[in-house]
Amino acid sequence: MWCSFFLRTLKDISPREIRFHNWLDLSRAMVSTRLMNCASQICEVERLLYGHGQMMYGQILNSVAGDPALTRGAIARLIQAGRVTADLDTGILWPGTTIRPLEGVRRVDLLPYLPDESG
């Protein structure tokens, strides 16, 4: 049985380094809130974004009441589900990153991303 090996260098990885770093941060936000119910934060983030058209990440965090970790988890879940978008390729996710709702996106059920509270 033969195995193939590929040598990857920093030159191969560096074009995707920022995107990789951003998804690590988003994944951390989703994992840290995986057992928490973020439904109210998800609804509030969507209400803000569809009302304003776009907002900076820091503005959203400051505008949603409650635990900022839950809001970060809600934003991460919305980005992962394709309901909102942010430029994850050209800069590290920071308070000045613009978050936008996607035009014409049908509302997707996020229940698979929310914990089951039955036990």
Protein backbone atom coordinates (compact mmCIF):
# COMPACT_ATOMS: atom_id res chain seq x y z
CA MET A 1 0.00 0.00 0.00
CA TRP A 2 1.42 3.37 -1.03
CA CYS A 3 0.90 6.64 0.75
CA SER A 4 1.22 10.08 -0.75
CA PHE A 5 2.91 12.85 1.16
CA PHE A 6 2.76 16.52 0.35
CA LEU A 7 5.23 19.03 1.63
CA ARG A 8 3.49 22.25 2.71
CA THR A 9 5.46 25.35 3.48
CA LEU A 10 4.53 28.68 5.00
CA LYS A 11 4.26 29.98 1.43
CA ASP A 12 1.42 27.50 0.81
CA ILE A 13 -0.42 28.28 4.03
CA SER A 14 0.02 32.04 4.38
CA PRO A 15 -2.64 33.08 1.81
CA ARG A 16 -5.28 31.40 3.99
CA GLU A 17 -3.81 32.25 7.38
CA ILE A 18 -6.19 35.13 8.15
CA ARG A 19 -9.28 33.14 7.18
CA PHE A 20 -8.05 30.19 9.26
CA HIS A 21 -7.42 32.44 12.27
CA ASN A 22 -10.89 34.02 11.97
CA TRP A 23 -12.60 30.64 11.78
CA LEU A 24 -10.65 29.52 14.85
CA ASP A 25 -12.07 32.52 16.73
CA LEU A 26 -15.59 31.88 15.43
CA SER A 27 -15.32 28.18 16.29
CA ARG A 28 -14.14 29.07 19.79
CA ALA A 29 -17.20 31.33 20.21
CA MET A 30 -19.55 28.56 19.04
CA VAL A 31 -17.91 25.87 21.17
CA SER A 32 -17.86 28.02 24.31
CA THR A 33 -21.61 28.64 23.98
CA ARG A 34 -22.60 25.21 22.66
CA LEU A 35 -24.60 24.33 25.78
CA MET A 36 -26.13 27.79 26.13
CA ASN A 37 -29.35 29.01 24.58
CA CYS A 38 -28.41 31.97 22.35
CA ALA A 39 -31.83 32.28 20.71
CA SER A 40 -32.56 35.74 22.10
CA GLN A 41 -29.10 36.99 21.09
CA ILE A 42 -29.51 35.54 17.59
CA CYS A 43 -32.87 37.29 17.21
CA GLU A 44 -31.48 40.57 18.54
CA VAL A 45 -28.41 40.48 16.26
CA GLU A 46 -30.63 39.81 13.25
CA ARG A 47 -33.04 42.58 14.27
CA LEU A 48 -30.15 45.04 14.54
CA LEU A 49 -28.57 44.02 11.24
CA TYR A 50 -31.77 43.96 9.22
CA GLY A 51 -32.71 47.32 10.76
CA HIS A 52 -29.39 49.03 10.07
CA GLY A 53 -28.24 47.11 7.00
CA GLN A 54 -24.79 46.62 8.47
CA MET A 55 -22.97 47.22 11.74
CA MET A 56 -19.49 46.87 13.11
CA TYR A 57 -18.79 43.81 15.23
CA GLY A 58 -18.03 45.96 18.29
CA GLN A 59 -21.27 47.92 17.88
CA ILE A 60 -23.26 44.69 17.87
CA LEU A 61 -21.48 43.43 20.98
CA ASN A 62 -22.24 46.73 22.76
CA SER A 63 -25.88 46.86 21.58
CA VAL A 64 -27.08 43.41 22.62
CA ALA A 65 -27.98 43.08 26.29
CA GLY A 66 -26.55 40.27 28.34
CA ASP A 67 -23.37 38.25 28.24
CA PRO A 68 -21.06 39.33 25.36
CA ALA A 69 -19.85 35.73 25.04
CA LEU A 70 -23.39 34.68 24.09
CA THR A 71 -23.53 37.49 21.53
CA ARG A 72 -20.19 36.39 20.04
CA GLY A 73 -21.56 32.85 19.86
CA ALA A 74 -24.74 34.12 18.18
CA ILE A 75 -22.78 36.11 15.57
CA ALA A 76 -20.53 33.12 14.91
CA ARG A 77 -23.55 30.83 14.45
CA LEU A 78 -25.17 33.32 12.06
CA ILE A 79 -21.99 33.58 9.98
CA GLN A 80 -21.58 29.79 9.96
CA ALA A 81 -25.22 29.31 8.92
CA GLY A 82 -24.81 31.83 6.08
CA ARG A 83 -27.38 34.31 7.41
CA VAL A 84 -24.89 37.16 7.84
CA THR A 85 -21.47 37.80 6.37
CA ALA A 86 -18.17 39.39 7.32
CA ASP A 87 -14.90 39.71 5.45
CA LEU A 88 -12.91 36.89 6.99
CA ASP A 89 -10.19 36.81 4.32
CA THR A 90 -8.46 40.20 4.44
CA GLY A 91 -8.31 41.09 8.13
CA ILE A 92 -8.54 39.64 11.60
CA LEU A 93 -12.04 39.78 13.11
CA TRP A 94 -11.99 42.82 15.43
CA PRO A 95 -14.51 45.38 16.76
CA GLY A 96 -14.26 47.39 13.51
CA THR A 97 -15.16 44.45 11.23
CA THR A 98 -18.38 45.07 9.30
CA ILE A 99 -21.11 42.46 9.67
CA ARG A 100 -23.87 42.45 7.04
CA PRO A 101 -27.08 40.49 6.59
CA LEU A 102 -27.16 38.58 3.33
CA GLU A 103 -29.60 39.96 0.80
CA GLY A 104 -32.35 37.59 -0.28
CA VAL A 105 -31.36 34.82 2.11
CA ARG A 106 -34.26 32.72 3.25
CA ARG A 107 -34.39 32.48 7.01
CA VAL A 108 -32.71 29.25 7.99
CA ASP A 109 -33.80 27.35 11.04
CA LEU A 110 -31.02 27.58 13.65
CA LEU A 111 -32.54 24.99 15.98
CA PRO A 112 -29.79 22.47 15.17
CA TYR A 113 -27.31 25.05 16.52
CA LEU A 114 -29.15 25.58 19.81
CA PRO A 115 -28.82 23.21 22.77
CA ASP A 116 -31.62 20.87 23.68
CA GLU A 117 -32.95 22.13 27.01
CA SER A 118 -34.79 18.88 27.75
CA GLY A 119 -31.81 17.41 29.50
